[in-house]
C-alpha atoms as a PDB file:
ATOM      1  CA  MET A   1      77.492  89.749 161.273  1.00  0.00           C
ATOM      2  CA  SER A   2      79.771  88.567 158.295  1.00  0.00           C
ATOM      3  CA  LYS A   3      82.520  90.661 156.894  1.00  0.00           C
ATOM      4  CA  GLU A   4      82.943  91.096 153.197  1.00  0.00           C
ATOM      5  CA  LEU A   5      86.186  92.632 151.526  1.00  0.00           C
ATOM      6  CA  ILE A   6      86.277  94.971 148.776  1.00  0.00           C
ATOM      7  CA  TRP A   7      89.124  96.837 147.061  1.00  0.00           C
ATOM      8  CA  VAL A   8      88.767 100.572 147.634  1.00  0.00           C
ATOM      9  CA  SER A   9      91.294 103.391 147.290  1.00  0.00           C
ATOM     10  CA  GLU A  10      93.974 104.138 149.752  1.00  0.00           C
ATOM     11  CA  GLU A  11      92.667 107.509 150.546  1.00  0.00           C
ATOM     12  CA  PHE A  12      89.124 106.076 151.027  1.00  0.00           C
ATOM     13  CA  ALA A  13      90.276 103.371 153.594  1.00  0.00           C
ATOM     14  CA  LYS A  14      92.091 105.564 155.920  1.00  0.00           C
ATOM     15  CA  LYS A  15      88.992 107.946 155.784  1.00  0.00           C
ATOM     16  CA  TYR A  16      86.755 105.145 156.586  1.00  0.00           C
ATOM     17  CA  ASN A  17      88.668 103.566 159.282  1.00  0.00           C
ATOM     18  CA  LYS A  18      89.098 106.825 161.155  1.00  0.00           C
ATOM     19  CA  ILE A  19      85.103 106.802 161.589  1.00  0.00           C
ATOM     20  CA  GLN A  20      83.951 104.606 164.429  1.00  0.00           C
ATOM     21  CA  ASP A  21      80.030 105.378 163.613  1.00  0.00           C
ATOM     22  CA  GLU A  22      78.556 102.472 161.830  1.00  0.00           C
ATOM     23  CA  ASN A  23      75.945 104.568 160.137  1.00  0.00           C
ATOM     24  CA  GLU A  24      78.628 107.285 159.445  1.00  0.00           C
ATOM     25  CA  GLN A  25      80.524 104.487 157.480  1.00  0.00           C
ATOM     26  CA  ILE A  26      77.746 103.537 155.643  1.00  0.00           C
ATOM     27  CA  LYS A  27      77.287 107.033 154.301  1.00  0.00           C
ATOM     28  CA  ILE A  28      80.720 107.473 153.325  1.00  0.00           C
ATOM     29  CA  LEU A  29      80.779 104.185 151.614  1.00  0.00           C
ATOM     30  CA  GLU A  30      77.591 105.216 149.638  1.00  0.00           C
ATOM     31  CA  GLU A  31      79.302 108.526 148.860  1.00  0.00           C
ATOM     32  CA  TYR A  32      82.299 106.542 147.728  1.00  0.00           C
ATOM     33  CA  ILE A  33      80.239 103.919 145.499  1.00  0.00           C
ATOM     34  CA  LYS A  34      78.575 107.229 143.914  1.00  0.00           C
ATOM     35  CA  SER A  35      81.662 108.677 143.085  1.00  0.00           C
ATOM     36  CA  LEU A  36      82.845 105.358 141.524  1.00  0.00           C
ATOM     37  CA  ARG A  37      79.625 105.274 139.660  1.00  0.00           C
ATOM     38  CA  LYS A  38      79.737 108.701 138.710  1.00  0.00           C
ATOM     39  CA  SER A  39      83.682 108.310 137.437  1.00  0.00           C
ATOM     40  CA  PHE A  40      82.715 105.039 135.572  1.00  0.00           C
ATOM     41  CA  GLN A  41      79.676 106.852 133.974  1.00  0.00           C
ATOM     42  CA  ASP A  42      82.196 109.795 132.751  1.00  0.00           C
ATOM     43  CA  GLU A  43      84.850 107.447 131.568  1.00  0.00           C
ATOM     44  CA  TYR A  44      81.834 105.332 129.656  1.00  0.00           C
ATOM     45  CA  GLN A  45      80.623 108.657 128.119  1.00  0.00           C
ATOM     46  CA  THR A  46      84.186 109.640 127.319  1.00  0.00           C
ATOM     47  CA  ASN A  47      84.767 106.439 125.673  1.00  0.00           C
ATOM     48  CA  ILE A  48      81.471 106.603 123.753  1.00  0.00           C
ATOM     49  CA  GLN A  49      82.503 109.951 122.483  1.00  0.00           C
ATOM     50  CA  MET A  50      85.692 108.611 121.216  1.00  0.00           C
ATOM     51  CA  LEU A  51      84.106 105.810 119.734  1.00  0.00           C
ATOM     52  CA  GLU A  52      81.524 108.095 117.925  1.00  0.00           C
ATOM     53  CA  GLU A  53      84.917 110.350 116.822  1.00  0.00           C
ATOM     54  CA  ASP A  54      86.561 107.097 115.480  1.00  0.00           C
ATOM     55  CA  LEU A  55      83.329 106.229 113.859  1.00  0.00           C
ATOM     56  CA  ILE A  56      83.211 109.759 112.325  1.00  0.00           C
ATOM     57  CA  MET A  57      86.980 109.414 111.080  1.00  0.00           C
ATOM     58  CA  LEU A  58      86.373 105.696 109.867  1.00  0.00           C
ATOM     59  CA  LYS A  59      83.209 107.050 107.703  1.00  0.00           C
ATOM     60  CA  ALA A  60      85.490 109.834 106.342  1.00  0.00           C
ATOM     61  CA  LEU A  61      88.303 107.362 105.383  1.00  0.00           C
ATOM     62  CA  ASN A  62      85.789 105.155 103.898  1.00  0.00           C
ATOM     63  CA  LEU A  63      84.425 108.189 101.972  1.00  0.00           C
ATOM     64  CA  LYS A  64      87.951 108.724 100.652  1.00  0.00           C
ATOM     65  CA  VAL A  65      88.722 105.130  99.916  1.00  0.00           C
ATOM     66  CA  LYS A  66      85.427 105.242  97.840  1.00  0.00           C
ATOM     67  CA  GLN A  67      86.294 108.679  96.211  1.00  0.00           C
ATOM     68  CA  ALA A  68      89.940 107.310  95.373  1.00  0.00           C
ATOM     69  CA  PHE A  69      88.152 103.973  93.871  1.00  0.00           C
ATOM     70  CA  GLU A  70      85.667 105.874  91.754  1.00  0.00           C
ATOM     71  CA  LYS A  71      88.412 108.152  90.310  1.00  0.00           C
ATOM     72  CA  ALA A  72      90.442 105.299  89.473  1.00  0.00           C
ATOM     73  CA  LYS A  73      87.714 103.557  87.798  1.00  0.00           C
ATOM     74  CA  ASN A  74      86.743 106.547  85.682  1.00  0.00           C
ATOM     75  CA  GLU A  75      90.317 107.059  84.900  1.00  0.00           C
ATOM     76  CA  ALA A  76      90.659 103.453  83.842  1.00  0.00           C
ATOM     77  CA  LEU A  77      87.301 103.522  81.746  1.00  0.00           C
ATOM     78  CA  ASP A  78      88.362 106.854  80.342  1.00  0.00           C
ATOM     79  CA  ALA A  79      91.760 105.366  79.245  1.00  0.00           C
ATOM     80  CA  SER A  80      89.942 102.290  77.485  1.00  0.00           C
ATOM     81  CA  TYR A  81      87.628 104.262  75.801  1.00  0.00           C
ATOM     82  CA  GLU A  82      90.346 106.247  74.376  1.00  0.00           C
ATOM     83  CA  ILE A  83      92.269 103.033  73.185  1.00  0.00           C
ATOM     84  CA  TRP A  84      88.946 102.053  71.708  1.00  0.00           C
ATOM     85  CA  GLU A  85      88.487 105.071  69.893  1.00  0.00           C
ATOM     86  CA  LYS A  86      91.719 105.080  68.222  1.00  0.00           C
ATOM     87  CA  TYR A  87      91.301 101.361  67.204  1.00  0.00           C
ATOM     88  CA  GLU A  88      88.019 102.321  65.725  1.00  0.00           C
ATOM     89  CA  GLU A  89      89.950 105.082  63.680  1.00  0.00           C
ATOM     90  CA  GLU A  90      92.098 102.154  62.595  1.00  0.00           C
ATOM     91  CA  ILE A  91      89.681  99.671  61.450  1.00  0.00           C
ATOM     92  CA  PRO A  92      89.225 100.965  57.886  1.00  0.00           C
ATOM     93  CA  LYS A  93      92.699 100.944  57.550  1.00  0.00           C
ATOM     94  CA  PHE A  94      93.155  97.466  58.638  1.00  0.00           C
ATOM     95  CA  ASN A  95      90.415  96.609  56.314  1.00  0.00           C
ATOM     96  CA  ASP A  96      92.203  98.272  53.202  1.00  0.00           C
ATOM     97  CA  LYS A  97      95.313  96.260  54.159  1.00  0.00           C
ATOM     98  CA  ILE A  98      93.591  92.838  54.660  1.00  0.00           C
ATOM     99  CA  LYS A  99      91.718  93.361  51.210  1.00  0.00           C
ATOM    100  CA  ARG A 100      94.970  94.242  49.338  1.00  0.00           C
ATOM    101  CA  LEU A 101      96.649  91.162  51.087  1.00  0.00           C
ATOM    102  CA  LEU A 102      93.617  88.997  49.922  1.00  0.00           C
ATOM    103  CA  ARG A 103      93.963  90.144  46.403  1.00  0.00           C
ATOM    104  CA  VAL A 104      97.744  89.298  46.375  1.00  0.00           C
ATOM    105  CA  LEU A 105      97.042  85.946  48.055  1.00  0.00           C
ATOM    106  CA  GLU A 106      93.993  84.598  45.934  1.00  0.00           C
ATOM    107  CA  PRO A 107      96.058  83.973  42.770  1.00  0.00           C
ATOM    108  CA  LEU A 108      98.770  82.262  44.705  1.00  0.00           C
ATOM    109  CA  SER A 109      96.154  80.279  46.466  1.00  0.00           C
ATOM    110  CA  GLU A 110      95.003  79.078  43.113  1.00  0.00           C
ATOM    111  CA  LYS A 111      98.514  78.007  41.776  1.00  0.00           C
ATOM    112  CA  LEU A 112      99.234  76.372  44.906  1.00  0.00           C
ATOM    113  CA  GLU A 113      96.303  74.369  44.458  1.00  0.00           C
ATOM    114  CA  LYS A 114      97.222  73.528  40.964  1.00  0.00           C
ATOM    115  CA  ILE A 115     100.795  72.677  42.054  1.00  0.00           C
ATOM    116  CA  ASN A 116      99.195  70.231  45.001  1.00  0.00           C
ATOM    117  CA  SER A 117      97.053  68.910  42.552  1.00  0.00           C
ATOM    118  CA  LEU A 118      99.925  68.245  40.085  1.00  0.00           C
ATOM    119  CA  LEU A 119     102.190  66.888  42.760  1.00  0.00           C
ATOM    120  CA  SER A 120      99.411  64.392  43.743  1.00  0.00           C
ATOM    121  CA  GLU A 121      99.547  63.012  40.341  1.00  0.00           C
ATOM    122  CA  ILE A 122     103.328  62.136  40.436  1.00  0.00           C
ATOM    123  CA  ASN A 123     104.088  58.387  41.034  1.00  0.00           C
ATOM    124  CA  ILE A 124     106.521  58.259  43.795  1.00  0.00           C
ATOM    125  CA  ARG A 125     107.363  54.566  43.142  1.00  0.00           C
ATOM    126  CA  GLU A 126     108.159  55.418  39.737  1.00  0.00           C
ATOM    127  CA  LEU A 127     110.436  58.220  40.758  1.00  0.00           C
ATOM    128  CA  GLN A 128     112.239  55.964  43.230  1.00  0.00           C
ATOM    129  CA  GLN A 129     113.075  53.570  40.750  1.00  0.00           C
ATOM    130  CA  LEU A 130     114.346  56.444  38.315  1.00  0.00           C
ATOM    131  CA  ALA A 131     116.515  57.710  41.270  1.00  0.00           C
ATOM    132  CA  ASP A 132     117.641  54.112  41.798  1.00  0.00           C
ATOM    133  CA  LEU A 133     118.536  53.643  37.953  1.00  0.00           C
ATOM    134  CA  ILE A 134     120.487  56.938  37.916  1.00  0.00           C
ATOM    135  CA  THR A 135     122.190  55.931  41.107  1.00  0.00           C
ATOM    136  CA  ARG A 136     123.167  52.523  39.479  1.00  0.00           C
ATOM    137  CA  PHE A 137     124.267  54.121  36.256  1.00  0.00           C
ATOM    138  CA  SER A 138     126.634  56.581  37.900  1.00  0.00           C
ATOM    139  CA  ASN A 139     128.087  53.631  39.900  1.00  0.00           C
ATOM    140  CA  MET A 140     128.944  52.059  36.764  1.00  0.00           C
ATOM    141  CA  ASN A 141     132.637  52.037  35.118  1.00  0.00           C
ATOM    142  CA  GLU A 142     133.177  53.375  31.736  1.00  0.00           C
ATOM    143  CA  LYS A 143     132.937  50.119  29.719  1.00  0.00           C
ATOM    144  CA  GLU A 144     129.301  49.115  31.603  1.00  0.00           C
ATOM    145  CA  LYS A 145     128.289  52.857  30.777  1.00  0.00           C
ATOM    146  CA  ARG A 146     129.084  52.256  27.031  1.00  0.00           C
ATOM    147  CA  VAL A 147     127.235  48.880  27.033  1.00  0.00           C
ATOM    148  CA  PHE A 148     124.103  50.322  28.749  1.00  0.00           C
ATOM    149  CA  GLU A 149     124.090  53.288  26.292  1.00  0.00           C
ATOM    150  CA  LEU A 150     124.294  50.923  23.454  1.00  0.00           C
ATOM    151  CA  LEU A 151     121.557  48.870  24.575  1.00  0.00           C
ATOM    152  CA  LEU A 152     119.345  52.031  24.849  1.00  0.00           C
ATOM    153  CA  LYS A 153     120.194  53.480  21.415  1.00  0.00           C
ATOM    154  CA  GLY A 154     119.337  49.629  20.038  1.00  0.00           C
ATOM    155  CA  GLY A 155     122.678  49.573  18.359  1.00  0.00           C
ATOM    156  CA  SER A 156     125.357  46.535  18.652  1.00  0.00           C
ATOM    157  CA  TYR A 157     128.267  46.408  20.669  1.00  0.00           C
ATOM    158  CA  GLY A 158     131.143  46.142  18.192  1.00  0.00           C
ATOM    159  CA  ASN A 159     130.787  49.286  16.196  1.00  0.00           C
END
C-alpha cells in the first residue's frame, strides 16, 4: 500500500489522526472532501454573483457614458445649427456689401487696366537715356550749361 500526501486543515488532521479505524478515516475524509466541495461551490456562486453585479454596474456605467455622449453630441449639433442659422441671416447683408464693393472697384479696375496699358507703351530705354542726360546736365558747370543751352536753341556762342 502506497501513501499519498495531501494538504488538509489542521483541525481535520487532528481529527483524522485520532481515529484508528481505516473505514472511519475514509468516511471522515469523504465528508471533508464534500465540505471542501461545498465551500468551493459556495465561493464559486459568490464569485458569479459578484461578477453579475459587476456586469450590471458596468452596463449601467456604459449606459451613462452613452447618454453623456448623446447629450454632448446633441449640444454640439444644436450649437452648430445655431451658428449656421445666424450665418444664414447674415448672408443677404454680406451679399449687399459685396455688391457695393464691386460697384466701387469696377471703375477702378477699368482705370487700372488703362494705366497698365499706358505704362506698357512707355519706352524704358528712352526714359533711361533721358535720365542719364539730365544727370549729365546737372553735373555740368555753368559755362557748359550755357553752351548746351545755346546749342539747343540753335544760336551762336558769342552773343
